[in-house]
């Protein structure tokens, strides 16, 4: 039999959901504003990560000493292009990704507790030889 919850319970749940959506939208807007204001900080972070990552990648992949130095110089020349696309990607995608991650951290879904069955019949016990 299908039971329908009372309308006051439904309206409370809908209202809470609307408030939650509104607040999470506010968080996303705040994060967008943060990434816009702190663009220089994001560029510095990516510059540091690029320097470390490029050197490690070249050292790992290029064993010849002459080619290794040459590859590191080329990696330094491609840094501005990397920074441009990385900052653009961060400003576009990170606020939404961080907001969804934060939402998952504050949503508490009920957990199911699994209770093991009690075996009362000794014939059900399986002996492993």
N, C-alpha and C. Protein backbone atom coordinates (compact mmCIF):
# COMPACT_ATOMS: atom_id res chain seq x y z
N UNK A 1 0.84 -1.17 0.00
CA UNK A 1 0.00 0.00 0.00
C UNK A 1 0.90 1.25 0.00
N UNK A 2 0.53 2.20 -0.80
CA UNK A 2 1.29 3.43 -0.94
C UNK A 2 0.78 4.44 0.07
N UNK A 3 1.70 5.00 0.85
CA UNK A 3 1.31 6.04 1.80
C UNK A 3 1.98 7.34 1.40
N UNK A 4 1.25 8.40 1.46
CA UNK A 4 1.75 9.72 1.09
C UNK A 4 1.97 10.51 2.37
N UNK A 5 3.17 11.06 2.55
CA UNK A 5 3.42 11.84 3.76
C UNK A 5 2.55 13.09 3.78
N UNK A 6 2.33 13.59 4.97
CA UNK A 6 1.49 14.78 5.10
C UNK A 6 2.14 15.96 4.37
N UNK A 7 1.33 16.88 3.95
CA UNK A 7 1.84 18.00 3.14
C UNK A 7 2.76 18.90 3.94
N UNK A 8 2.58 19.00 5.25
CA UNK A 8 3.48 19.85 6.05
C UNK A 8 4.88 19.26 6.09
N UNK A 9 4.99 17.92 6.16
CA UNK A 9 6.31 17.28 6.14
C UNK A 9 6.98 17.49 4.79
N UNK A 10 6.20 17.36 3.74
CA UNK A 10 6.73 17.55 2.39
C UNK A 10 7.18 18.99 2.19
N UNK A 11 6.39 19.94 2.64
CA UNK A 11 6.76 21.34 2.45
C UNK A 11 8.01 21.69 3.25
N UNK A 12 8.20 21.08 4.41
CA UNK A 12 9.40 21.34 5.20
C UNK A 12 10.62 20.80 4.48
N UNK A 13 10.52 19.59 3.93
CA UNK A 13 11.63 18.98 3.21
C UNK A 13 11.97 19.79 1.97
N UNK A 14 10.96 20.23 1.24
CA UNK A 14 11.19 21.03 0.03
C UNK A 14 11.83 22.36 0.41
N UNK A 15 11.36 22.98 1.47
CA UNK A 15 11.92 24.26 1.91
C UNK A 15 13.39 24.09 2.33
N UNK A 16 13.68 23.01 3.05
CA UNK A 16 15.06 22.76 3.46
C UNK A 16 15.96 22.52 2.26
N UNK A 17 15.43 21.81 1.27
CA UNK A 17 16.20 21.54 0.05
C UNK A 17 16.48 22.84 -0.71
N UNK A 18 15.49 23.71 -0.78
CA UNK A 18 15.68 25.00 -1.45
C UNK A 18 16.72 25.85 -0.73
N UNK A 19 16.68 25.86 0.59
CA UNK A 19 17.66 26.62 1.38
C UNK A 19 19.05 26.04 1.16
N UNK A 20 19.15 24.71 1.15
CA UNK A 20 20.44 24.06 0.91
C UNK A 20 21.00 24.43 -0.46
N UNK A 21 20.15 24.35 -1.48
CA UNK A 21 20.60 24.70 -2.84
C UNK A 21 21.04 26.16 -2.92
N UNK A 22 20.30 27.04 -2.28
CA UNK A 22 20.63 28.46 -2.29
C UNK A 22 21.97 28.72 -1.60
N UNK A 23 22.18 28.08 -0.46
CA UNK A 23 23.43 28.28 0.28
C UNK A 23 24.63 27.71 -0.48
N UNK A 24 24.46 26.56 -1.13
CA UNK A 24 25.55 25.99 -1.90
C UNK A 24 25.86 26.84 -3.14
N UNK A 25 24.82 27.46 -3.70
CA UNK A 25 25.05 28.39 -4.81
C UNK A 25 25.85 29.59 -4.32
N UNK A 26 25.55 30.06 -3.10
CA UNK A 26 26.31 31.16 -2.51
C UNK A 26 27.78 30.77 -2.34
N UNK A 27 28.02 29.53 -1.89
CA UNK A 27 29.40 29.06 -1.73
C UNK A 27 30.11 29.06 -3.07
N UNK A 28 29.43 28.62 -4.12
CA UNK A 28 30.04 28.58 -5.45
C UNK A 28 30.39 29.99 -5.94
N UNK A 29 29.51 30.94 -5.70
CA UNK A 29 29.77 32.34 -6.10
C UNK A 29 30.95 32.90 -5.32
N UNK A 30 31.03 32.59 -4.03
CA UNK A 30 32.15 33.06 -3.20
C UNK A 30 33.46 32.47 -3.71
N UNK A 31 33.44 31.19 -4.07
CA UNK A 31 34.66 30.56 -4.60
C UNK A 31 35.06 31.17 -5.95
N UNK A 32 34.09 31.46 -6.80
CA UNK A 32 34.39 32.12 -8.07
C UNK A 32 35.06 33.47 -7.82
N UNK A 33 34.51 34.21 -6.86
CA UNK A 33 35.07 35.51 -6.51
C UNK A 33 36.49 35.35 -5.95
N UNK A 34 36.69 34.33 -5.13
CA UNK A 34 38.02 34.08 -4.56
C UNK A 34 39.04 33.80 -5.65
N UNK A 35 38.68 32.93 -6.61
CA UNK A 35 39.63 32.61 -7.68
C UNK A 35 39.87 33.81 -8.59
N UNK A 36 38.89 34.68 -8.76
CA UNK A 36 39.10 35.88 -9.58
C UNK A 36 40.04 36.86 -8.88
N UNK A 37 39.82 37.05 -7.57
CA UNK A 37 40.65 38.00 -6.83
C UNK A 37 42.06 37.48 -6.62
N UNK A 38 42.20 36.18 -6.46
CA UNK A 38 43.50 35.61 -6.14
C UNK A 38 44.15 34.95 -7.36
N UNK A 39 43.93 35.51 -8.54
CA UNK A 39 44.50 34.95 -9.76
C UNK A 39 46.03 34.93 -9.71
N UNK A 40 46.62 35.95 -9.12
CA UNK A 40 48.08 35.99 -9.02
C UNK A 40 48.58 34.83 -8.15
N UNK A 41 47.87 34.53 -7.08
CA UNK A 41 48.25 33.42 -6.22
C UNK A 41 48.15 32.10 -6.96
N UNK A 42 47.09 31.93 -7.73
CA UNK A 42 46.91 30.71 -8.51
C UNK A 42 48.04 30.57 -9.52
N UNK A 43 48.43 31.68 -10.16
CA UNK A 43 49.53 31.65 -11.13
C UNK A 43 50.84 31.25 -10.47
N UNK A 44 51.10 31.76 -9.28
CA UNK A 44 52.33 31.43 -8.56
C UNK A 44 52.34 29.95 -8.18
N UNK A 45 51.20 29.45 -7.72
CA UNK A 45 51.10 28.03 -7.36
C UNK A 45 51.38 27.16 -8.58
N UNK A 46 50.77 27.49 -9.71
CA UNK A 46 50.99 26.70 -10.92
C UNK A 46 52.42 26.83 -11.42
N UNK A 47 53.04 27.99 -11.27
CA UNK A 47 54.43 28.15 -11.67
C UNK A 47 55.33 27.23 -10.86
N UNK A 48 55.11 27.17 -9.56
CA UNK A 48 55.91 26.29 -8.70
C UNK A 48 55.68 24.82 -9.06
N UNK A 49 54.42 24.46 -9.23
CA UNK A 49 54.11 23.07 -9.58
C UNK A 49 54.70 22.70 -10.94
N UNK A 50 54.63 23.62 -11.89
CA UNK A 50 55.18 23.36 -13.23
C UNK A 50 56.69 23.18 -13.17
N UNK A 51 57.37 24.04 -12.41
CA UNK A 51 58.83 23.93 -12.30
C UNK A 51 59.23 22.57 -11.75
N UNK A 52 58.62 22.16 -10.68
CA UNK A 52 58.95 20.88 -10.05
C UNK A 52 58.56 19.72 -10.95
N UNK A 53 57.34 19.77 -11.49
CA UNK A 53 56.85 18.67 -12.32
C UNK A 53 57.62 18.51 -13.61
N UNK A 54 57.97 19.61 -14.25
CA UNK A 54 58.70 19.54 -15.53
C UNK A 54 60.08 18.93 -15.33
N UNK A 55 60.77 19.37 -14.30
CA UNK A 55 62.12 18.84 -14.03
C UNK A 55 62.03 17.35 -13.70
N UNK A 56 61.09 16.97 -12.86
CA UNK A 56 60.96 15.55 -12.50
C UNK A 56 60.59 14.70 -13.71
N UNK A 57 59.70 15.20 -14.55
CA UNK A 57 59.28 14.44 -15.74
C UNK A 57 60.44 14.27 -16.72
N UNK A 58 61.19 15.35 -16.96
CA UNK A 58 62.32 15.27 -17.88
C UNK A 58 63.38 14.33 -17.32
N UNK A 59 63.67 14.43 -16.03
CA UNK A 59 64.67 13.55 -15.43
C UNK A 59 64.25 12.08 -15.51
N UNK A 60 62.96 11.85 -15.38
CA UNK A 60 62.47 10.47 -15.42
C UNK A 60 62.47 9.90 -16.84
N UNK A 61 62.12 10.72 -17.83
CA UNK A 61 61.93 10.22 -19.19
C UNK A 61 63.17 10.33 -20.08
N UNK A 62 64.04 11.32 -19.84
CA UNK A 62 65.17 11.57 -20.73
C UNK A 62 66.46 11.26 -19.96
N UNK A 63 67.14 10.20 -20.37
CA UNK A 63 68.35 9.75 -19.67
C UNK A 63 69.62 10.40 -20.22
N UNK A 64 69.64 10.71 -21.50
CA UNK A 64 70.81 11.32 -22.13
C UNK A 64 71.02 12.72 -21.55
N UNK A 65 72.24 12.99 -21.06
CA UNK A 65 72.51 14.25 -20.37
C UNK A 65 72.29 15.47 -21.26
N UNK A 66 72.74 15.42 -22.50
CA UNK A 66 72.58 16.56 -23.41
C UNK A 66 71.12 16.80 -23.72
N UNK A 67 70.40 15.74 -24.04
CA UNK A 67 68.97 15.88 -24.32
C UNK A 67 68.20 16.31 -23.08
N UNK A 68 68.67 15.89 -21.92
CA UNK A 68 68.01 16.25 -20.67
C UNK A 68 68.05 17.76 -20.48
N UNK A 69 69.21 18.37 -20.66
CA UNK A 69 69.32 19.83 -20.51
C UNK A 69 68.47 20.55 -21.56
N UNK A 70 68.53 20.06 -22.78
CA UNK A 70 67.74 20.66 -23.86
C UNK A 70 66.24 20.58 -23.55
N UNK A 71 65.81 19.44 -23.06
CA UNK A 71 64.39 19.24 -22.74
C UNK A 71 63.94 20.16 -21.61
N UNK A 72 64.80 20.39 -20.64
CA UNK A 72 64.47 21.31 -19.54
C UNK A 72 64.32 22.74 -20.04
N UNK A 73 65.15 23.13 -21.00
CA UNK A 73 65.01 24.49 -21.58
C UNK A 73 63.68 24.63 -22.33
N UNK A 74 63.34 23.60 -23.08
CA UNK A 74 62.07 23.64 -23.81
C UNK A 74 60.91 23.69 -22.82
N UNK A 75 61.01 22.94 -21.75
CA UNK A 75 59.95 22.95 -20.73
C UNK A 75 59.78 24.34 -20.13
N UNK A 76 60.87 25.05 -19.92
CA UNK A 76 60.77 26.41 -19.38
C UNK A 76 60.07 27.35 -20.36
N UNK A 77 60.27 27.13 -21.66
CA UNK A 77 59.65 28.01 -22.66
C UNK A 77 58.15 27.77 -22.77
N UNK A 78 57.67 26.58 -22.45
CA UNK A 78 56.24 26.29 -22.56
C UNK A 78 55.46 26.66 -21.29
N UNK A 79 56.16 27.13 -20.28
CA UNK A 79 55.52 27.47 -19.01
C UNK A 79 54.41 28.53 -19.14
N UNK A 80 54.60 29.64 -19.88
CA UNK A 80 53.53 30.63 -19.98
C UNK A 80 52.25 30.09 -20.60
N UNK A 81 52.38 29.24 -21.61
CA UNK A 81 51.19 28.65 -22.22
C UNK A 81 50.48 27.75 -21.22
N UNK A 82 51.25 26.96 -20.48
CA UNK A 82 50.65 26.10 -19.46
C UNK A 82 49.91 26.93 -18.43
N UNK A 83 50.54 28.00 -17.95
CA UNK A 83 49.91 28.84 -16.94
C UNK A 83 48.61 29.45 -17.46
N UNK A 84 48.61 29.91 -18.68
CA UNK A 84 47.41 30.52 -19.25
C UNK A 84 46.24 29.54 -19.22
N UNK A 85 46.47 28.34 -19.76
CA UNK A 85 45.39 27.36 -19.82
C UNK A 85 45.03 26.81 -18.44
N UNK A 86 46.01 26.67 -17.56
CA UNK A 86 45.73 26.15 -16.23
C UNK A 86 44.87 27.13 -15.42
N UNK A 87 45.21 28.40 -15.47
CA UNK A 87 44.45 29.41 -14.73
C UNK A 87 43.04 29.52 -15.30
N UNK A 88 42.92 29.48 -16.61
CA UNK A 88 41.59 29.54 -17.23
C UNK A 88 40.75 28.34 -16.81
N UNK A 89 41.35 27.14 -16.78
CA UNK A 89 40.62 25.93 -16.38
C UNK A 89 40.21 26.01 -14.91
N UNK A 90 41.10 26.50 -14.06
CA UNK A 90 40.80 26.60 -12.63
C UNK A 90 39.65 27.56 -12.38
N UNK A 91 39.70 28.73 -13.02
CA UNK A 91 38.64 29.72 -12.81
C UNK A 91 37.29 29.20 -13.30
N UNK A 92 37.31 28.37 -14.33
CA UNK A 92 36.06 27.87 -14.90
C UNK A 92 35.51 26.66 -14.12
N UNK A 93 36.37 25.74 -13.69
CA UNK A 93 35.90 24.47 -13.16
C UNK A 93 36.02 24.29 -11.65
N UNK A 94 37.02 24.88 -11.04
CA UNK A 94 37.27 24.61 -9.62
C UNK A 94 36.15 25.06 -8.67
N UNK A 95 35.55 26.21 -8.85
CA UNK A 95 34.48 26.57 -7.92
C UNK A 95 33.36 25.52 -7.87
N UNK A 96 32.95 25.02 -9.02
CA UNK A 96 31.89 24.00 -9.05
C UNK A 96 32.38 22.69 -8.43
N UNK A 97 33.59 22.27 -8.78
CA UNK A 97 34.12 21.02 -8.23
C UNK A 97 34.28 21.09 -6.72
N UNK A 98 34.80 22.19 -6.23
CA UNK A 98 34.98 22.35 -4.78
C UNK A 98 33.64 22.41 -4.08
N UNK A 99 32.67 23.11 -4.67
CA UNK A 99 31.33 23.20 -4.08
C UNK A 99 30.69 21.82 -3.99
N UNK A 100 30.78 21.03 -5.04
CA UNK A 100 30.19 19.69 -5.00
C UNK A 100 30.90 18.81 -3.98
N UNK A 101 32.21 18.95 -3.86
CA UNK A 101 32.93 18.18 -2.86
C UNK A 101 32.52 18.60 -1.46
N UNK A 102 32.41 19.91 -1.23
CA UNK A 102 31.97 20.38 0.09
C UNK A 102 30.55 19.92 0.41
N UNK A 103 29.69 19.92 -0.59
CA UNK A 103 28.32 19.44 -0.38
C UNK A 103 28.34 17.97 0.05
N UNK A 104 29.20 17.18 -0.58
CA UNK A 104 29.27 15.76 -0.21
C UNK A 104 29.80 15.59 1.21
N UNK A 105 30.58 16.56 1.69
CA UNK A 105 31.11 16.46 3.05
C UNK A 105 30.07 16.81 4.11
N UNK A 106 29.07 17.59 3.75
CA UNK A 106 28.06 17.98 4.74
C UNK A 106 26.75 17.23 4.59
N UNK A 107 26.62 16.41 3.55
CA UNK A 107 25.43 15.56 3.41
C UNK A 107 25.67 14.29 4.19
N UNK A 108 24.79 14.03 5.13
CA UNK A 108 24.92 12.84 5.95
C UNK A 108 23.80 11.88 5.59
N UNK A 109 24.15 10.89 4.80
CA UNK A 109 23.14 9.91 4.42
C UNK A 109 23.10 8.82 5.50
N UNK A 110 21.91 8.29 5.76
CA UNK A 110 21.82 7.25 6.79
C UNK A 110 22.59 6.01 6.34
N UNK A 111 23.34 5.46 7.27
CA UNK A 111 24.12 4.27 6.96
C UNK A 111 23.35 3.04 7.39
N UNK A 112 23.49 1.98 6.60
CA UNK A 112 22.82 0.73 6.92
C UNK A 112 23.75 -0.12 7.77
N UNK A 113 23.22 -0.63 8.84
CA UNK A 113 23.99 -1.50 9.70
C UNK A 113 23.59 -2.93 9.37
N UNK A 114 24.56 -3.73 9.00
CA UNK A 114 24.30 -5.12 8.64
C UNK A 114 24.57 -5.98 9.86
N UNK A 115 23.53 -6.67 10.29
CA UNK A 115 23.65 -7.55 11.43
C UNK A 115 23.80 -8.97 10.91
N UNK A 116 24.86 -9.68 11.31
CA UNK A 116 25.04 -11.04 10.82
C UNK A 116 23.97 -11.97 11.39
N UNK A 117 23.61 -12.95 10.57
CA UNK A 117 22.61 -13.91 11.01
C UNK A 117 23.25 -14.88 11.99
N UNK A 118 22.45 -15.32 12.94
CA UNK A 118 22.89 -16.32 13.90
C UNK A 118 22.58 -17.69 13.33
N UNK A 119 23.56 -18.57 13.32
CA UNK A 119 23.34 -19.94 12.85
C UNK A 119 22.97 -20.78 14.06
N UNK A 120 21.78 -21.34 14.01
CA UNK A 120 21.32 -22.16 15.13
C UNK A 120 21.43 -23.64 14.83
N UNK A 121 21.42 -23.99 13.57
CA UNK A 121 21.50 -25.40 13.17
C UNK A 121 22.95 -25.77 12.94
N UNK A 122 23.50 -26.75 13.68
CA UNK A 122 24.91 -27.10 13.52
C UNK A 122 25.22 -27.69 12.13
N UNK A 123 24.24 -28.16 11.39
CA UNK A 123 24.48 -28.70 10.06
C UNK A 123 24.79 -27.61 9.05
N UNK A 124 24.42 -26.37 9.35
CA UNK A 124 24.68 -25.27 8.44
C UNK A 124 26.14 -24.80 8.50
N UNK A 125 26.87 -25.19 9.54
CA UNK A 125 28.26 -24.80 9.66
C UNK A 125 29.09 -25.63 8.70
N UNK A 126 29.90 -24.98 7.90
CA UNK A 126 30.71 -25.66 6.89
C UNK A 126 32.14 -25.73 7.41
N UNK A 127 32.67 -26.93 7.47
CA UNK A 127 34.05 -27.12 7.90
C UNK A 127 34.95 -27.05 6.68
N UNK A 128 35.96 -26.25 6.72
CA UNK A 128 36.93 -26.18 5.63
C UNK A 128 38.10 -27.10 5.95
N UNK A 129 38.31 -28.14 5.13
CA UNK A 129 39.42 -29.08 5.41
C UNK A 129 40.75 -28.48 5.09
